[in-house]
C-alpha atoms as a PDB file:
ATOM      1  CA  MET A   1     -33.152  -9.939 -14.439  1.00  0.00           C
ATOM      2  CA  HIS A   2     -31.693 -12.835 -12.430  1.00  0.00           C
ATOM      3  CA  LEU A   3     -28.535 -12.906 -14.564  1.00  0.00           C
ATOM      4  CA  ARG A   4     -28.160  -9.121 -14.326  1.00  0.00           C
ATOM      5  CA  ARG A   5     -28.434  -9.293 -10.527  1.00  0.00           C
ATOM      6  CA  THR A   6     -25.939 -12.141 -10.368  1.00  0.00           C
ATOM      7  CA  LEU A   7     -23.399 -10.243 -12.456  1.00  0.00           C
ATOM      8  CA  LEU A   8     -23.895  -7.129 -10.330  1.00  0.00           C
ATOM      9  CA  VAL A   9     -23.326  -9.134  -7.140  1.00  0.00           C
ATOM     10  CA  ALA A  10     -20.195 -10.711  -8.584  1.00  0.00           C
ATOM     11  CA  THR A  11     -18.805  -7.361  -9.768  1.00  0.00           C
ATOM     12  CA  LEU A  12     -19.483  -5.638  -6.457  1.00  0.00           C
ATOM     13  CA  SER A  13     -18.020  -8.578  -4.530  1.00  0.00           C
ATOM     14  CA  LEU A  14     -14.825  -8.515  -6.560  1.00  0.00           C
ATOM     15  CA  GLY A  15     -14.566  -4.751  -6.094  1.00  0.00           C
ATOM     16  CA  THR A  16     -15.057  -5.046  -2.343  1.00  0.00           C
ATOM     17  CA  LEU A  17     -12.467  -7.804  -2.062  1.00  0.00           C
ATOM     18  CA  ALA A  18      -9.979  -5.752  -4.040  1.00  0.00           C
ATOM     19  CA  ALA A  19     -10.583  -2.664  -1.914  1.00  0.00           C
ATOM     20  CA  SER A  20     -10.268  -4.654   1.325  1.00  0.00           C
ATOM     21  CA  ALA A  21      -7.028  -6.199   0.164  1.00  0.00           C
ATOM     22  CA  GLN A  22      -5.585  -2.806  -0.713  1.00  0.00           C
ATOM     23  CA  MET A  23      -6.644  -1.271   2.596  1.00  0.00           C
ATOM     24  CA  GLY A  24      -5.050  -4.088   4.569  1.00  0.00           C
ATOM     25  CA  ALA A  25      -1.825  -4.189   2.545  1.00  0.00           C
ATOM     26  CA  PRO A  26       1.344  -2.469   3.759  1.00  0.00           C
ATOM     27  CA  ALA A  27       2.004   0.902   2.128  1.00  0.00           C
ATOM     28  CA  SER A  28       5.174  -0.451   0.519  1.00  0.00           C
ATOM     29  CA  ALA A  29       3.469  -3.435  -1.083  1.00  0.00           C
ATOM     30  CA  ALA A  30       3.226  -3.259  -4.860  1.00  0.00           C
ATOM     31  CA  ALA A  31      -0.214  -3.577  -6.397  1.00  0.00           C
ATOM     32  CA  PRO A  32      -0.696  -6.937  -8.133  1.00  0.00           C
ATOM     33  CA  SER A  33      -0.658  -6.863 -11.896  1.00  0.00           C
ATOM     34  CA  GLY A  34      -0.886  -9.192 -14.841  1.00  0.00           C
ATOM     35  CA  PRO A  35      -3.168 -12.162 -15.505  1.00  0.00           C
ATOM     36  CA  VAL A  36      -4.369 -14.438 -12.703  1.00  0.00           C
ATOM     37  CA  ASP A  37      -4.788 -18.178 -13.127  1.00  0.00           C
ATOM     38  CA  PRO A  38      -8.604 -18.672 -13.219  1.00  0.00           C
ATOM     39  CA  VAL A  39      -8.358 -21.946 -11.311  1.00  0.00           C
ATOM     40  CA  LYS A  40      -6.532 -20.359  -8.371  1.00  0.00           C
ATOM     41  CA  SER A  41      -8.918 -17.425  -8.236  1.00  0.00           C
ATOM     42  CA  LEU A  42     -12.127 -19.459  -8.496  1.00  0.00           C
ATOM     43  CA  ASP A  43     -10.885 -22.207  -6.202  1.00  0.00           C
ATOM     44  CA  SER A  44     -10.083 -19.638  -3.523  1.00  0.00           C
ATOM     45  CA  ALA A  45     -13.666 -18.351  -3.656  1.00  0.00           C
ATOM     46  CA  VAL A  46     -15.003 -21.907  -3.388  1.00  0.00           C
ATOM     47  CA  THR A  47     -12.804 -22.487  -0.324  1.00  0.00           C
ATOM     48  CA  SER A  48     -14.163 -19.350   1.340  1.00  0.00           C
ATOM     49  CA  LEU A  49     -17.766 -20.438   0.739  1.00  0.00           C
ATOM     50  CA  GLU A  50     -16.933 -23.949   1.924  1.00  0.00           C
ATOM     51  CA  LYS A  51     -15.558 -22.630   5.230  1.00  0.00           C
ATOM     52  CA  LEU A  52     -18.697 -20.547   5.828  1.00  0.00           C
ATOM     53  CA  TRP A  53     -21.034 -23.466   5.157  1.00  0.00           C
ATOM     54  CA  THR A  54     -19.013 -26.110   6.967  1.00  0.00           C
ATOM     55  CA  GLY A  55     -18.915 -23.903  10.043  1.00  0.00           C
ATOM     56  CA  ALA A  56     -22.627 -23.097   9.939  1.00  0.00           C
ATOM     57  CA  ALA A  57     -23.740 -26.670   9.279  1.00  0.00           C
ATOM     58  CA  SER A  58     -21.480 -28.046  12.007  1.00  0.00           C
ATOM     59  CA  ALA A  59     -22.577 -25.453  14.566  1.00  0.00           C
ATOM     60  CA  MET A  60     -26.267 -26.362  14.529  1.00  0.00           C
ATOM     61  CA  PRO A  61     -26.979 -29.232  16.964  1.00  0.00           C
ATOM     62  CA  ALA A  62     -28.356 -32.411  15.399  1.00  0.00           C
ATOM     63  CA  ASP A  63     -31.666 -32.075  17.205  1.00  0.00           C
ATOM     64  CA  LYS A  64     -32.138 -28.596  15.741  1.00  0.00           C
ATOM     65  CA  TYR A  65     -31.860 -29.647  12.104  1.00  0.00           C
ATOM     66  CA  SER A  66     -35.646 -29.909  12.060  1.00  0.00           C
ATOM     67  CA  PHE A  67     -35.972 -26.325  13.324  1.00  0.00           C
ATOM     68  CA  ALA A  68     -37.940 -23.800  11.297  1.00  0.00           C
ATOM     69  CA  PRO A  69     -39.054 -20.367  12.505  1.00  0.00           C
ATOM     70  CA  SER A  70     -42.697 -20.007  13.418  1.00  0.00           C
ATOM     71  CA  ALA A  71     -45.058 -17.456  14.898  1.00  0.00           C
ATOM     72  CA  ALA A  72     -44.476 -19.061  18.308  1.00  0.00           C
ATOM     73  CA  ILE A  73     -41.033 -17.469  18.665  1.00  0.00           C
ATOM     74  CA  PHE A  74     -42.374 -13.936  18.227  1.00  0.00           C
ATOM     75  CA  VAL A  75     -44.439 -11.754  20.533  1.00  0.00           C
ATOM     76  CA  PRO A  76     -48.190 -12.284  20.012  1.00  0.00           C
ATOM     77  CA  ALA A  77     -48.721  -8.901  18.360  1.00  0.00           C
ATOM     78  CA  GLN A  78     -45.980  -9.475  15.764  1.00  0.00           C
ATOM     79  CA  ALA A  79     -47.302 -10.275  12.290  1.00  0.00           C
ATOM     80  CA  THR A  80     -45.584 -13.323  10.811  1.00  0.00           C
ATOM     81  CA  LYS A  81     -45.759 -15.369   7.634  1.00  0.00           C
ATOM     82  CA  TYR A  82     -43.745 -18.485   8.263  1.00  0.00           C
ATOM     83  CA  GLU A  83     -46.043 -21.216   6.997  1.00  0.00           C
ATOM     84  CA  GLY A  84     -44.146 -23.630   4.791  1.00  0.00           C
ATOM     85  CA  VAL A  85     -40.664 -22.188   5.333  1.00  0.00           C
ATOM     86  CA  ARG A  86     -37.736 -24.584   5.116  1.00  0.00           C
ATOM     87  CA  THR A  87     -36.241 -26.359   8.088  1.00  0.00           C
ATOM     88  CA  TYR A  88     -32.541 -25.929   8.752  1.00  0.00           C
ATOM     89  CA  ALA A  89     -31.907 -29.305   7.143  1.00  0.00           C
ATOM     90  CA  GLN A  90     -33.804 -28.209   4.038  1.00  0.00           C
ATOM     91  CA  ILE A  91     -31.800 -24.995   3.732  1.00  0.00           C
ATOM     92  CA  VAL A  92     -28.551 -26.963   3.777  1.00  0.00           C
ATOM     93  CA  THR A  93     -29.736 -29.692   1.399  1.00  0.00           C
ATOM     94  CA  HIS A  94     -31.169 -27.086  -0.990  1.00  0.00           C
ATOM     95  CA  THR A  95     -27.768 -25.386  -1.060  1.00  0.00           C
ATOM     96  CA  ILE A  96     -26.038 -28.701  -1.726  1.00  0.00           C
ATOM     97  CA  GLN A  97     -28.362 -29.456  -4.637  1.00  0.00           C
ATOM     98  CA  ALA A  98     -27.898 -25.964  -6.097  1.00  0.00           C
ATOM     99  CA  ASN A  99     -24.115 -26.318  -5.826  1.00  0.00           C
ATOM    100  CA  TYR A 100     -24.250 -29.430  -7.971  1.00  0.00           C
ATOM    101  CA  ARG A 101     -26.413 -27.708 -10.575  1.00  0.00           C
ATOM    102  CA  TYR A 102     -24.266 -24.579 -10.807  1.00  0.00           C
ATOM    103  CA  PHE A 103     -20.859 -26.215 -10.652  1.00  0.00           C
ATOM    104  CA  SER A 104     -21.782 -28.878 -13.178  1.00  0.00           C
ATOM    105  CA  LEU A 105     -22.214 -25.968 -15.621  1.00  0.00           C
ATOM    106  CA  VAL A 106     -18.961 -24.356 -14.509  1.00  0.00           C
ATOM    107  CA  GLY A 107     -16.862 -27.458 -14.973  1.00  0.00           C
ATOM    108  CA  GLY A 108     -18.783 -29.259 -17.697  1.00  0.00           C
ATOM    109  CA  ILE A 109     -18.996 -32.378 -15.544  1.00  0.00           C
ATOM    110  CA  LYS A 110     -21.902 -34.376 -14.159  1.00  0.00           C
ATOM    111  CA  PRO A 111     -22.420 -35.198 -10.464  1.00  0.00           C
ATOM    112  CA  ASP A 112     -21.830 -38.837  -9.566  1.00  0.00           C
ATOM    113  CA  VAL A 113     -24.556 -38.718  -6.911  1.00  0.00           C
ATOM    114  CA  ASP A 114     -28.351 -38.716  -6.953  1.00  0.00           C
ATOM    115  CA  VAL A 115     -28.887 -34.975  -6.513  1.00  0.00           C
ATOM    116  CA  ALA A 116     -32.654 -35.300  -6.090  1.00  0.00           C
ATOM    117  CA  ALA A 117     -32.207 -37.761  -3.215  1.00  0.00           C
ATOM    118  CA  ILE A 118     -30.161 -35.206  -1.269  1.00  0.00           C
ATOM    119  CA  GLY A 119     -33.350 -33.250  -0.627  1.00  0.00           C
ATOM    120  CA  LYS A 120     -34.659 -36.168   1.436  1.00  0.00           C
ATOM    121  CA  LEU A 121     -31.751 -36.185   3.891  1.00  0.00           C
ATOM    122  CA  THR A 122     -32.694 -35.166   7.436  1.00  0.00           C
ATOM    123  CA  THR A 123     -29.890 -36.181   9.809  1.00  0.00           C
ATOM    124  CA  LYS A 124     -26.937 -33.932  10.563  1.00  0.00           C
ATOM    125  CA  ASP A 125     -24.292 -36.585   9.858  1.00  0.00           C
ATOM    126  CA  ASP A 126     -25.738 -37.453   6.448  1.00  0.00           C
ATOM    127  CA  ILE A 127     -26.092 -33.797   5.504  1.00  0.00           C
ATOM    128  CA  LEU A 128     -22.568 -32.879   6.605  1.00  0.00           C
ATOM    129  CA  LYS A 129     -21.231 -35.732   4.447  1.00  0.00           C
ATOM    130  CA  ALA A 130     -23.275 -34.514   1.457  1.00  0.00           C
ATOM    131  CA  LEU A 131     -22.070 -30.955   2.057  1.00  0.00           C
ATOM    132  CA  ALA A 132     -18.431 -32.023   2.042  1.00  0.00           C
ATOM    133  CA  ASP A 133     -19.022 -34.031  -1.131  1.00  0.00           C
ATOM    134  CA  THR A 134     -20.606 -31.096  -2.961  1.00  0.00           C
ATOM    135  CA  PHE A 135     -17.607 -28.889  -2.254  1.00  0.00           C
ATOM    136  CA  THR A 136     -15.250 -31.632  -3.412  1.00  0.00           C
ATOM    137  CA  PHE A 137     -17.268 -31.584  -6.625  1.00  0.00           C
ATOM    138  CA  ALA A 138     -17.056 -27.773  -6.792  1.00  0.00           C
ATOM    139  CA  HIS A 139     -13.257 -27.789  -6.485  1.00  0.00           C
ATOM    140  CA  LYS A 140     -13.077 -30.426  -9.224  1.00  0.00           C
ATOM    141  CA  ALA A 141     -15.368 -28.353 -11.441  1.00  0.00           C
ATOM    142  CA  VAL A 142     -13.458 -25.075 -11.217  1.00  0.00           C
ATOM    143  CA  ALA A 143     -10.237 -26.926 -12.037  1.00  0.00           C
ATOM    144  CA  ASN A 144     -11.628 -27.221 -15.587  1.00  0.00           C
ATOM    145  CA  VAL A 145     -11.911 -23.442 -16.113  1.00  0.00           C
ATOM    146  CA  THR A 146      -9.238 -21.844 -18.266  1.00  0.00           C
ATOM    147  CA  VAL A 147      -8.634 -18.446 -19.814  1.00  0.00           C
ATOM    148  CA  ALA A 148      -9.699 -19.955 -23.122  1.00  0.00           C
ATOM    149  CA  ASN A 149     -13.038 -21.426 -21.977  1.00  0.00           C
ATOM    150  CA  ALA A 150     -14.115 -19.126 -19.125  1.00  0.00           C
ATOM    151  CA  PHE A 151     -16.586 -17.285 -21.330  1.00  0.00           C
ATOM    152  CA  ASP A 152     -17.771 -20.262 -23.369  1.00  0.00           C
ATOM    153  CA  ALA A 153     -21.557 -20.621 -23.483  1.00  0.00           C
ATOM    154  CA  VAL A 154     -23.130 -23.221 -21.214  1.00  0.00           C
ATOM    155  CA  GLN A 155     -26.695 -24.456 -20.959  1.00  0.00           C
ATOM    156  CA  GLY A 156     -28.415 -22.249 -18.383  1.00  0.00           C
ATOM    157  CA  ARG A 157     -31.985 -21.065 -18.010  1.00  0.00           C
ATOM    158  CA  PRO A 158     -33.940 -20.839 -21.275  1.00  0.00           C
ATOM    159  CA  GLY A 159     -33.156 -17.570 -23.013  1.00  0.00           C
ATOM    160  CA  SER A 160     -30.135 -16.759 -20.823  1.00  0.00           C
ATOM    161  CA  ASN A 161     -26.646 -16.023 -22.135  1.00  0.00           C
ATOM    162  CA  GLN A 162     -24.840 -18.134 -19.583  1.00  0.00           C
ATOM    163  CA  THR A 163     -21.077 -18.685 -19.488  1.00  0.00           C
ATOM    164  CA  ARG A 164     -18.863 -20.646 -17.140  1.00  0.00           C
ATOM    165  CA  VAL A 165     -17.970 -17.536 -15.143  1.00  0.00           C
ATOM    166  CA  THR A 166     -21.550 -16.281 -14.861  1.00  0.00           C
ATOM    167  CA  ALA A 167     -22.582 -19.744 -13.654  1.00  0.00           C
ATOM    168  CA  PHE A 168     -19.773 -19.503 -11.115  1.00  0.00           C
ATOM    169  CA  ALA A 169     -20.985 -16.060 -10.011  1.00  0.00           C
ATOM    170  CA  GLY A 170     -24.455 -17.538  -9.611  1.00  0.00           C
ATOM    171  CA  ALA A 171     -23.097 -20.387  -7.481  1.00  0.00           C
ATOM    172  CA  ILE A 172     -21.295 -18.042  -5.100  1.00  0.00           C
ATOM    173  CA  ALA A 173     -24.183 -15.558  -4.912  1.00  0.00           C
ATOM    174  CA  HIS A 174     -26.721 -18.308  -4.215  1.00  0.00           C
ATOM    175  CA  GLY A 175     -24.488 -20.036  -1.676  1.00  0.00           C
ATOM    176  CA  GLU A 176     -23.935 -16.823   0.266  1.00  0.00           C
ATOM    177  CA  ASP A 177     -27.630 -15.925   0.084  1.00  0.00           C
ATOM    178  CA  GLU A 178     -28.581 -19.282   1.608  1.00  0.00           C
ATOM    179  CA  TYR A 179     -25.775 -18.955   4.155  1.00  0.00           C
ATOM    180  CA  GLY A 180     -27.366 -15.690   5.302  1.00  0.00           C
ATOM    181  CA  GLN A 181     -30.610 -17.559   5.958  1.00  0.00           C
ATOM    182  CA  ALA A 182     -28.739 -20.289   7.835  1.00  0.00           C
ATOM    183  CA  VAL A 183     -27.162 -17.608  10.033  1.00  0.00           C
ATOM    184  CA  GLU A 184     -30.620 -16.309  10.978  1.00  0.00           C
ATOM    185  CA  TYR A 185     -31.658 -19.815  12.040  1.00  0.00           C
ATOM    186  CA  LEU A 186     -28.510 -20.188  14.136  1.00  0.00           C
ATOM    187  CA  ARG A 187     -29.092 -16.830  15.817  1.00  0.00           C
ATOM    188  CA  MET A 188     -32.698 -17.775  16.598  1.00  0.00           C
ATOM    189  CA  ASN A 189     -31.251 -20.707  18.527  1.00  0.00           C
ATOM    190  CA  ALA A 190     -28.709 -18.552  20.400  1.00  0.00           C
ATOM    191  CA  ILE A 191     -25.815 -19.937  18.355  1.00  0.00           C
ATOM    192  CA  ILE A 192     -23.067 -17.655  17.087  1.00  0.00           C
ATOM    193  CA  PRO A 193     -22.021 -18.656  13.551  1.00  0.00           C
ATOM    194  CA  PRO A 194     -18.346 -19.679  13.656  1.00  0.00           C
ATOM    195  CA  ALA A 195     -17.453 -17.113  10.982  1.00  0.00           C
ATOM    196  CA  SER A 196     -18.892 -14.382  13.245  1.00  0.00           C
ATOM    197  CA  ALA A 197     -17.319 -15.563  16.477  1.00  0.00           C
ATOM    198  CA  PRO A 198     -15.077 -13.039  18.290  1.00  0.00           C
ATOM    199  CA  ARG A 199     -11.435 -13.261  17.300  1.00  0.00           C
ATOM    200  CA  GLU A 200      -8.482 -12.895  19.643  1.00  0.00           C
ATOM    201  CA  PRO A 201      -6.822  -9.476  19.156  1.00  0.00           C
END
């Protein structure tokens, strides 16, 4: 079920990106054709996710990294179930750890950091450094994907038919899912996520 959802998200995302590109292209522009270098395509997606997360993680003040929503921020009559939810720091560190797990499958390489220890980080500076490092690792990992090995089997969840590209789809889907939660935390603190900030016309 998880793999099916991941593939659906990836397919819909690619379709949306293609449609957006066509809508924004000049009428005289020729539609792209032919094979695309997997590294360029995957690396571009990693860069997009990196920009979202770097902006969101940088925007939250250091003293708010311990923030987690609670019943106190809602009106008394509002039903809430926020016991045990992650702090902002935990959302970011969880994403960093997941990036290492997913992209190690994508690239067939092992992280050179203690991934478990990342979950214990609490300060903004330490977490921003770990975030930058995980995207450096992600770029390195996708550089190993080729047309020949993109659909090679990799060790995923027990019983899953995981390939490099489905692991990549999982990485992007998970990263954007967690980013959506980070955005909610920013909004609760009256902070506009940089990616959503008004643009000059």
